[in-house]
Amino acid sequence: MYLTKEKKAEIFAKHGKSATDTGSTEGQIALFTYRINYLTGHLKNNRKDYNTERSLVKLVGKRKSLLDYLIKTDVLRYRAIIKELGIRK
């Protein structure tokens, strides 16, 4: 499995409020970004894996909706997470 409990806790500890705070917007965006990067690499090797391609599109949509929510509520947090993760928007 590419995403272990330890890696997930590390992502939430770095970007969220704590390692167990899985509901924070920044933590969820960071987790989705990690998963999107992994699936993108997988699709480069397996071009005909359409189920993974569909999952990737759904994840990008979820991340976009969270980013839209964050820009409406707090622009400074939005700019910080975009810069930290290197997301193009």
Protein backbone atom coordinates (compact mmCIF):
# COMPACT_ATOMS: atom_id res chain seq x y z
CA MET A 1 0.00 0.00 0.00
CA TYR A 2 1.38 3.37 -0.97
CA LEU A 3 -0.28 5.30 1.87
CA THR A 4 0.47 3.86 5.29
CA LYS A 5 -0.96 5.07 8.58
CA GLU A 6 2.37 6.63 9.45
CA LYS A 7 2.57 8.57 6.17
CA LYS A 8 -1.00 9.79 6.58
CA ALA A 9 -0.32 10.92 10.16
CA GLU A 10 2.84 12.68 8.94
CA ILE A 11 0.89 14.57 6.26
CA PHE A 12 -1.76 15.69 8.76
CA ALA A 13 0.87 16.64 11.35
CA LYS A 14 2.73 18.78 8.84
CA HIS A 15 -0.23 20.50 7.19
CA GLY A 16 -3.07 20.15 9.70
CA LYS A 17 -3.34 21.20 13.30
CA SER A 18 -2.19 17.82 14.66
CA ALA A 19 -1.58 14.27 13.50
CA THR A 20 -5.06 13.19 14.55
CA ASP A 21 -6.93 16.21 13.14
CA THR A 22 -8.07 14.69 9.87
CA GLY A 23 -10.85 17.21 9.33
CA SER A 24 -8.78 20.31 8.74
CA THR A 25 -9.08 21.73 5.25
CA GLU A 26 -5.32 22.11 4.77
CA GLY A 27 -4.70 18.53 5.87
CA GLN A 28 -7.30 17.16 3.46
CA ILE A 29 -5.90 19.23 0.59
CA ALA A 30 -2.38 17.96 1.36
CA LEU A 31 -3.61 14.36 1.48
CA PHE A 32 -5.47 14.72 -1.81
CA THR A 33 -2.38 16.28 -3.38
CA TYR A 34 -0.23 13.35 -2.23
CA ARG A 35 -2.75 10.87 -3.66
CA ILE A 36 -3.08 12.83 -6.92
CA ASN A 37 0.70 12.81 -7.39
CA TYR A 38 0.83 9.06 -6.78
CA LEU A 39 -2.02 8.31 -9.19
CA THR A 40 -0.48 10.56 -11.85
CA GLY A 41 2.74 8.55 -11.68
CA HIS A 42 0.75 5.32 -11.85
CA LEU A 43 -1.11 6.49 -14.95
CA LYS A 44 2.14 7.38 -16.71
CA ASN A 45 3.06 3.69 -16.59
CA ASN A 46 -0.47 2.28 -17.06
CA ARG A 47 -2.21 4.43 -19.62
CA LYS A 48 -5.24 2.18 -20.07
CA ASP A 49 -6.16 2.00 -16.40
CA TYR A 50 -9.45 3.85 -16.74
CA ASN A 51 -10.66 3.16 -13.21
CA THR A 52 -7.63 4.93 -11.80
CA GLU A 53 -8.12 7.76 -14.27
CA ARG A 54 -11.69 8.20 -13.05
CA SER A 55 -10.51 8.18 -9.44
CA LEU A 56 -7.92 10.81 -10.26
CA VAL A 57 -10.52 13.09 -11.84
CA LYS A 58 -12.77 12.71 -8.79
CA LEU A 59 -9.89 13.52 -6.43
CA VAL A 60 -8.97 16.62 -8.42
CA GLY A 61 -12.60 17.75 -8.20
CA LYS A 62 -12.71 17.21 -4.45
CA ARG A 63 -9.47 19.12 -3.98
CA LYS A 64 -10.76 21.95 -6.16
CA SER A 65 -13.93 22.25 -4.10
CA LEU A 66 -11.89 22.36 -0.88
CA LEU A 67 -9.63 25.03 -2.37
CA ASP A 68 -12.68 27.04 -3.42
CA TYR A 69 -14.04 26.77 0.13
CA LEU A 70 -10.71 27.87 1.59
CA ILE A 71 -10.39 30.90 -0.70
CA LYS A 72 -13.90 32.04 0.34
CA THR A 73 -13.20 31.67 4.06
CA ASP A 74 -9.54 32.66 4.46
CA VAL A 75 -7.39 33.91 1.58
CA LEU A 76 -4.15 33.90 3.59
CA ARG A 77 -4.49 30.20 4.48
CA TYR A 78 -5.33 29.50 0.84
CA ARG A 79 -2.22 31.28 -0.43
CA ALA A 80 -0.05 29.52 2.17
CA ILE A 81 -1.22 26.02 1.25
CA ILE A 82 -0.93 26.71 -2.49
CA LYS A 83 2.62 27.93 -2.06
CA GLU A 84 3.60 25.12 0.31
CA LEU A 85 2.26 22.30 -1.87
CA GLY A 86 3.21 23.86 -5.21
CA ILE A 87 -0.29 23.63 -6.65
CA ARG A 88 -1.02 25.60 -9.81
CA LYS A 89 -4.33 27.37 -9.63
